[in-house]
Amino acid sequence: MDVLSKARKVIGVKQTKRALENGEAVQVFFARDAEARLTAPVRALCEASGVPLFEVESMRALGQACGIAVGAAVAAILR
């Protein structure tokens, strides 16, 4: 997860979905405590496009790893 702080990334469901649809995402991280209705479409896109999906302990932990002061449900590392 350390790679999130330095890598080119997007944070949030909408931006991650857009990156997956455009073929820009190479890894996706999602918070275990995020609502399934938010993360399910992202998971489906990851499976369909073969992008590796990693689970993070919490939204707070994912937000901190991304360098933001709030929680994040989903984040993606870009090409």
Protein backbone atom coordinates (compact mmCIF):
# COMPACT_ATOMS: atom_id res chain seq x y z
CA MET A 1 0.00 0.00 0.00
CA ASP A 2 3.02 2.29 0.30
CA VAL A 3 3.00 2.60 -3.48
CA LEU A 4 -0.24 4.63 -3.28
CA SER A 5 1.48 7.60 -1.67
CA LYS A 6 3.99 7.98 -4.53
CA ALA A 7 2.20 6.64 -7.59
CA ARG A 8 0.00 8.44 -10.07
CA LYS A 9 -3.49 7.58 -8.86
CA VAL A 10 -7.17 8.35 -8.75
CA ILE A 11 -9.28 8.23 -5.62
CA GLY A 12 -12.99 7.49 -5.41
CA VAL A 13 -15.50 5.26 -7.14
CA LYS A 14 -16.32 7.53 -10.10
CA GLN A 15 -12.70 8.27 -10.97
CA THR A 16 -11.66 4.64 -10.53
CA LYS A 17 -14.49 3.41 -12.76
CA ARG A 18 -13.50 5.95 -15.42
CA ALA A 19 -9.84 4.86 -15.22
CA LEU A 20 -10.86 1.19 -15.59
CA GLU A 21 -13.14 1.92 -18.54
CA ASN A 22 -10.34 3.89 -20.24
CA GLY A 23 -7.75 1.17 -19.62
CA GLU A 24 -5.62 3.43 -17.44
CA ALA A 25 -5.82 1.55 -14.11
CA VAL A 26 -3.15 -1.07 -13.37
CA GLN A 27 -4.06 -1.86 -9.73
CA VAL A 28 -7.18 -1.16 -7.71
CA PHE A 29 -7.51 -0.97 -3.93
CA PHE A 30 -10.80 -1.07 -2.06
CA ALA A 31 -11.67 -0.66 1.61
CA ARG A 32 -13.13 -3.68 3.38
CA ASP A 33 -15.59 -1.48 5.29
CA ALA A 34 -16.87 0.37 2.20
CA GLU A 35 -20.47 -0.26 1.18
CA ALA A 36 -20.77 -3.17 -1.22
CA ARG A 37 -23.17 -1.23 -3.46
CA LEU A 38 -20.33 1.22 -4.11
CA THR A 39 -17.52 -1.26 -4.63
CA ALA A 40 -19.42 -3.97 -6.57
CA PRO A 41 -19.32 -2.16 -9.95
CA VAL A 42 -15.59 -1.49 -9.53
CA ARG A 43 -14.94 -5.15 -8.65
CA ALA A 44 -16.88 -6.25 -11.74
CA LEU A 45 -14.87 -3.93 -13.99
CA CYS A 46 -11.62 -5.22 -12.47
CA GLU A 47 -12.60 -8.83 -13.12
CA ALA A 48 -13.71 -8.05 -16.67
CA SER A 49 -10.51 -6.20 -17.54
CA GLY A 50 -8.08 -8.38 -15.56
CA VAL A 51 -6.89 -5.59 -13.26
CA PRO A 52 -5.57 -6.85 -9.90
CA LEU A 53 -7.79 -5.96 -6.95
CA PHE A 54 -6.42 -5.53 -3.41
CA GLU A 55 -8.37 -5.26 -0.18
CA VAL A 56 -7.41 -2.68 2.46
CA GLU A 57 -8.42 -2.83 6.13
CA SER A 58 -10.57 0.32 6.20
CA MET A 59 -11.62 3.45 4.35
CA ARG A 60 -9.57 5.49 6.79
CA ALA A 61 -6.43 3.40 6.09
CA LEU A 62 -6.93 3.71 2.33
CA GLY A 63 -7.40 7.48 2.60
CA GLN A 64 -4.22 7.79 4.66
CA ALA A 65 -2.29 5.64 2.18
CA CYS A 66 -3.45 7.98 -0.59
CA GLY A 67 -2.32 11.02 1.36
CA ILE A 68 -5.78 12.48 2.05
CA ALA A 69 -7.32 13.40 5.39
CA VAL A 70 -10.62 11.56 4.80
CA GLY A 71 -11.53 7.97 4.10
CA ALA A 72 -11.67 6.48 0.61
CA ALA A 73 -13.74 3.53 -0.57
CA VAL A 74 -11.69 2.86 -3.72
CA ALA A 75 -8.43 4.02 -5.30
CA ALA A 76 -6.50 3.02 -8.41
CA ILE A 77 -2.90 3.27 -9.53
CA LEU A 78 -2.62 4.55 -13.10
CA ARG A 79 -0.21 3.66 -15.91
